[in-house]
C-alpha atoms as a PDB file:
ATOM      1  CA  MET A   1      39.976 -10.690  -7.302  1.00  0.00           C
ATOM      2  CA  GLN A   2      40.222  -8.136  -4.513  1.00  0.00           C
ATOM      3  CA  ILE A   3      37.167  -6.352  -3.115  1.00  0.00           C
ATOM      4  CA  TYR A   4      37.235  -3.490  -0.614  1.00  0.00           C
ATOM      5  CA  VAL A   5      34.241  -3.685   1.706  1.00  0.00           C
ATOM      6  CA  HIS A   6      33.152  -0.642   3.694  1.00  0.00           C
ATOM      7  CA  CYS A   7      31.333  -1.485   6.925  1.00  0.00           C
ATOM      8  CA  GLU A   8      28.096   0.284   7.687  1.00  0.00           C
ATOM      9  CA  ILE A   9      28.696   2.129  10.946  1.00  0.00           C
ATOM     10  CA  PRO A  10      26.333   4.126  13.131  1.00  0.00           C
ATOM     11  CA  ASP A  11      26.877   7.897  13.172  1.00  0.00           C
ATOM     12  CA  GLY A  12      29.675   8.831  15.507  1.00  0.00           C
ATOM     13  CA  ILE A  13      30.611   5.347  16.674  1.00  0.00           C
ATOM     14  CA  SER A  14      33.317   5.488  19.305  1.00  0.00           C
ATOM     15  CA  VAL A  15      36.678   3.803  19.018  1.00  0.00           C
ATOM     16  CA  SER A  16      38.647   3.084  22.175  1.00  0.00           C
ATOM     17  CA  THR A  17      42.234   2.019  22.441  1.00  0.00           C
ATOM     18  CA  GLU A  18      44.413   1.247  25.419  1.00  0.00           C
ATOM     19  CA  LEU A  19      48.095   1.995  25.013  1.00  0.00           C
ATOM     20  CA  GLN A  20      50.993   0.748  27.074  1.00  0.00           C
ATOM     21  CA  SER A  21      51.631   2.815  30.177  1.00  0.00           C
ATOM     22  CA  VAL A  22      53.873   5.823  29.674  1.00  0.00           C
ATOM     23  CA  ASP A  23      55.442   7.651  32.660  1.00  0.00           C
ATOM     24  CA  ASP A  24      54.299  11.122  31.635  1.00  0.00           C
ATOM     25  CA  CYS A  25      50.776   9.987  30.622  1.00  0.00           C
ATOM     26  CA  PRO A  26      48.886   8.294  33.455  1.00  0.00           C
ATOM     27  CA  ASP A  27      45.662   7.878  31.448  1.00  0.00           C
ATOM     28  CA  ASN A  28      46.514   5.346  28.763  1.00  0.00           C
ATOM     29  CA  GLN A  29      43.005   4.840  27.329  1.00  0.00           C
ATOM     30  CA  PHE A  30      41.864   7.024  24.466  1.00  0.00           C
ATOM     31  CA  THR A  31      38.381   7.236  22.967  1.00  0.00           C
ATOM     32  CA  PHE A  32      37.384   9.118  19.852  1.00  0.00           C
ATOM     33  CA  SER A  33      34.485   9.191  17.419  1.00  0.00           C
ATOM     34  CA  VAL A  34      34.782   8.095  13.784  1.00  0.00           C
ATOM     35  CA  LYS A  35      32.567   8.351  10.708  1.00  0.00           C
ATOM     36  CA  HIS A  36      34.502   5.872   8.535  1.00  0.00           C
ATOM     37  CA  LEU A  37      36.661   2.815   9.091  1.00  0.00           C
ATOM     38  CA  ALA A  38      39.372   1.490   6.821  1.00  0.00           C
ATOM     39  CA  PRO A  39      37.777  -1.007   4.431  1.00  0.00           C
ATOM     40  CA  ILE A  40      37.962  -4.757   4.826  1.00  0.00           C
ATOM     41  CA  SER A  41      40.019  -6.278   2.037  1.00  0.00           C
ATOM     42  CA  LEU A  42      38.441  -9.510   0.715  1.00  0.00           C
ATOM     43  CA  THR A  43      40.748 -11.355  -1.675  1.00  0.00           C
ATOM     44  CA  CYS A  44      39.237 -14.300  -3.557  1.00  0.00           C
ATOM     45  CA  LEU A  45      40.619 -16.909  -5.905  1.00  0.00           C
ATOM     46  CA  MET A  46      38.080 -19.123  -7.638  1.00  0.00           C
ATOM     47  CA  PRO A  47      39.037 -22.767  -8.110  1.00  0.00           C
ATOM     48  CA  PRO A  48      37.800 -24.458 -11.314  1.00  0.00           C
ATOM     49  CA  SER A  49      35.181 -26.314  -9.239  1.00  0.00           C
ATOM     50  CA  TYR A  50      33.589 -23.071  -7.893  1.00  0.00           C
ATOM     51  CA  PRO A  51      30.708 -22.727  -7.232  1.00  0.00           C
ATOM     52  CA  SER A  52      29.406 -26.241  -7.847  1.00  0.00           C
ATOM     53  CA  HIS A  53      31.727 -28.084  -5.443  1.00  0.00           C
ATOM     54  CA  HIS A  54      34.134 -25.756  -3.658  1.00  0.00           C
ATOM     55  CA  PRO A  55      34.083 -22.244  -2.199  1.00  0.00           C
ATOM     56  CA  PRO A  56      36.523 -19.567  -3.295  1.00  0.00           C
ATOM     57  CA  TYR A  57      39.880 -19.501  -1.568  1.00  0.00           C
ATOM     58  CA  PHE A  58      39.826 -16.242   0.360  1.00  0.00           C
ATOM     59  CA  SER A  59      41.659 -14.059   2.823  1.00  0.00           C
ATOM     60  CA  LEU A  60      40.564 -11.027   4.812  1.00  0.00           C
ATOM     61  CA  GLY A  61      42.664  -8.017   5.681  1.00  0.00           C
ATOM     62  CA  VAL A  62      41.318  -5.701   8.360  1.00  0.00           C
ATOM     63  CA  GLN A  63      43.680  -3.021   9.695  1.00  0.00           C
ATOM     64  CA  TRP A  64      41.602  -2.291  12.776  1.00  0.00           C
ATOM     65  CA  LEU A  65      41.083  -5.884  14.000  1.00  0.00           C
ATOM     66  CA  ASP A  66      43.382  -8.386  15.640  1.00  0.00           C
ATOM     67  CA  SER A  67      43.927 -11.834  14.143  1.00  0.00           C
ATOM     68  CA  VAL A  68      41.422 -13.523  16.490  1.00  0.00           C
ATOM     69  CA  LYS A  69      38.576 -11.268  15.329  1.00  0.00           C
ATOM     70  CA  VAL A  70      39.589 -11.627  11.672  1.00  0.00           C
ATOM     71  CA  SER A  71      39.501 -15.399  12.168  1.00  0.00           C
ATOM     72  CA  THR A  72      35.976 -15.068  13.603  1.00  0.00           C
ATOM     73  CA  LEU A  73      34.888 -13.275  10.421  1.00  0.00           C
ATOM     74  CA  CYS A  74      36.523 -15.970   8.264  1.00  0.00           C
ATOM     75  CA  HIS A  75      34.625 -18.684  10.131  1.00  0.00           C
ATOM     76  CA  MET A  76      31.385 -16.830   9.463  1.00  0.00           C
ATOM     77  CA  LEU A  77      32.139 -16.636   5.738  1.00  0.00           C
ATOM     78  CA  ASP A  78      32.811 -20.393   5.780  1.00  0.00           C
ATOM     79  CA  SER A  79      29.456 -20.865   7.505  1.00  0.00           C
ATOM     80  CA  ILE A  80      27.652 -18.786   4.868  1.00  0.00           C
ATOM     81  CA  TRP A  81      29.194 -20.989   2.161  1.00  0.00           C
ATOM     82  CA  ALA A  82      28.098 -24.143   4.030  1.00  0.00           C
ATOM     83  CA  GLN A  83      24.503 -22.852   4.157  1.00  0.00           C
ATOM     84  CA  GLN A  84      24.348 -22.369   0.404  1.00  0.00           C
ATOM     85  CA  SER A  85      26.904 -24.828  -0.876  1.00  0.00           C
ATOM     86  CA  GLY A  86      26.989 -25.100  -4.655  1.00  0.00           C
ATOM     87  CA  GLN A  87      25.816 -21.530  -5.231  1.00  0.00           C
ATOM     88  CA  GLU A  88      27.722 -18.330  -5.909  1.00  0.00           C
ATOM     89  CA  VAL A  89      28.615 -16.789  -2.573  1.00  0.00           C
ATOM     90  CA  ILE A  90      30.884 -13.769  -2.992  1.00  0.00           C
ATOM     91  CA  PHE A  91      28.028 -11.260  -3.230  1.00  0.00           C
ATOM     92  CA  GLU A  92      26.531 -12.733  -0.037  1.00  0.00           C
ATOM     93  CA  TRP A  93      29.896 -12.436   1.711  1.00  0.00           C
ATOM     94  CA  VAL A  94      30.266  -8.780   0.738  1.00  0.00           C
ATOM     95  CA  GLN A  95      26.731  -7.954   1.894  1.00  0.00           C
ATOM     96  CA  TRP A  96      27.283  -9.724   5.208  1.00  0.00           C
ATOM     97  CA  LEU A  97      30.640  -7.997   5.809  1.00  0.00           C
ATOM     98  CA  GLN A  98      29.078  -4.593   5.065  1.00  0.00           C
ATOM     99  CA  SER A  99      26.042  -4.955   7.275  1.00  0.00           C
ATOM    100  CA  SER A 100      26.914  -7.449  10.015  1.00  0.00           C
ATOM    101  CA  THR A 101      30.625  -7.257  10.872  1.00  0.00           C
ATOM    102  CA  LEU A 102      30.292  -4.863  13.817  1.00  0.00           C
ATOM    103  CA  SER A 103      27.296  -6.575  15.406  1.00  0.00           C
ATOM    104  CA  HIS A 104      28.821 -10.049  14.908  1.00  0.00           C
ATOM    105  CA  LEU A 105      31.936  -8.926  16.799  1.00  0.00           C
ATOM    106  CA  GLY A 106      29.896  -7.281  19.573  1.00  0.00           C
ATOM    107  CA  PHE A 107      30.901  -3.744  18.553  1.00  0.00           C
ATOM    108  CA  ASP A 108      27.382  -2.286  18.476  1.00  0.00           C
ATOM    109  CA  GLY A 109      28.209   0.208  21.244  1.00  0.00           C
ATOM    110  CA  GLY A 110      31.726   1.003  20.103  1.00  0.00           C
ATOM    111  CA  ILE A 111      34.926  -0.516  18.776  1.00  0.00           C
ATOM    112  CA  ILE A 112      37.825  -1.492  21.010  1.00  0.00           C
ATOM    113  CA  ILE A 113      41.211  -1.865  19.354  1.00  0.00           C
END
């Protein structure tokens, strides 16, 4: 099962990126405002023992995050499962990814990629 999760973002959140230095462009940091971000792709595979004994096997794909930040989100999903072990969790994961991803990563004031 694959679910595309759209993060709730404040109006006009800024995205900043720093590019490698180029000779003809001394200012290598760019900031722009966005209204939408590419969705987070949550892929789940349910083992036969889900939800009574084991969580779903899952992976996250996020085009605008590096692997360290994606790993941070994965750890949080594992933590949510641990808090409600034995219960269905995918809906909780989707809700958390929608509403809490940016604040969990410290991107309340803007996103840095």
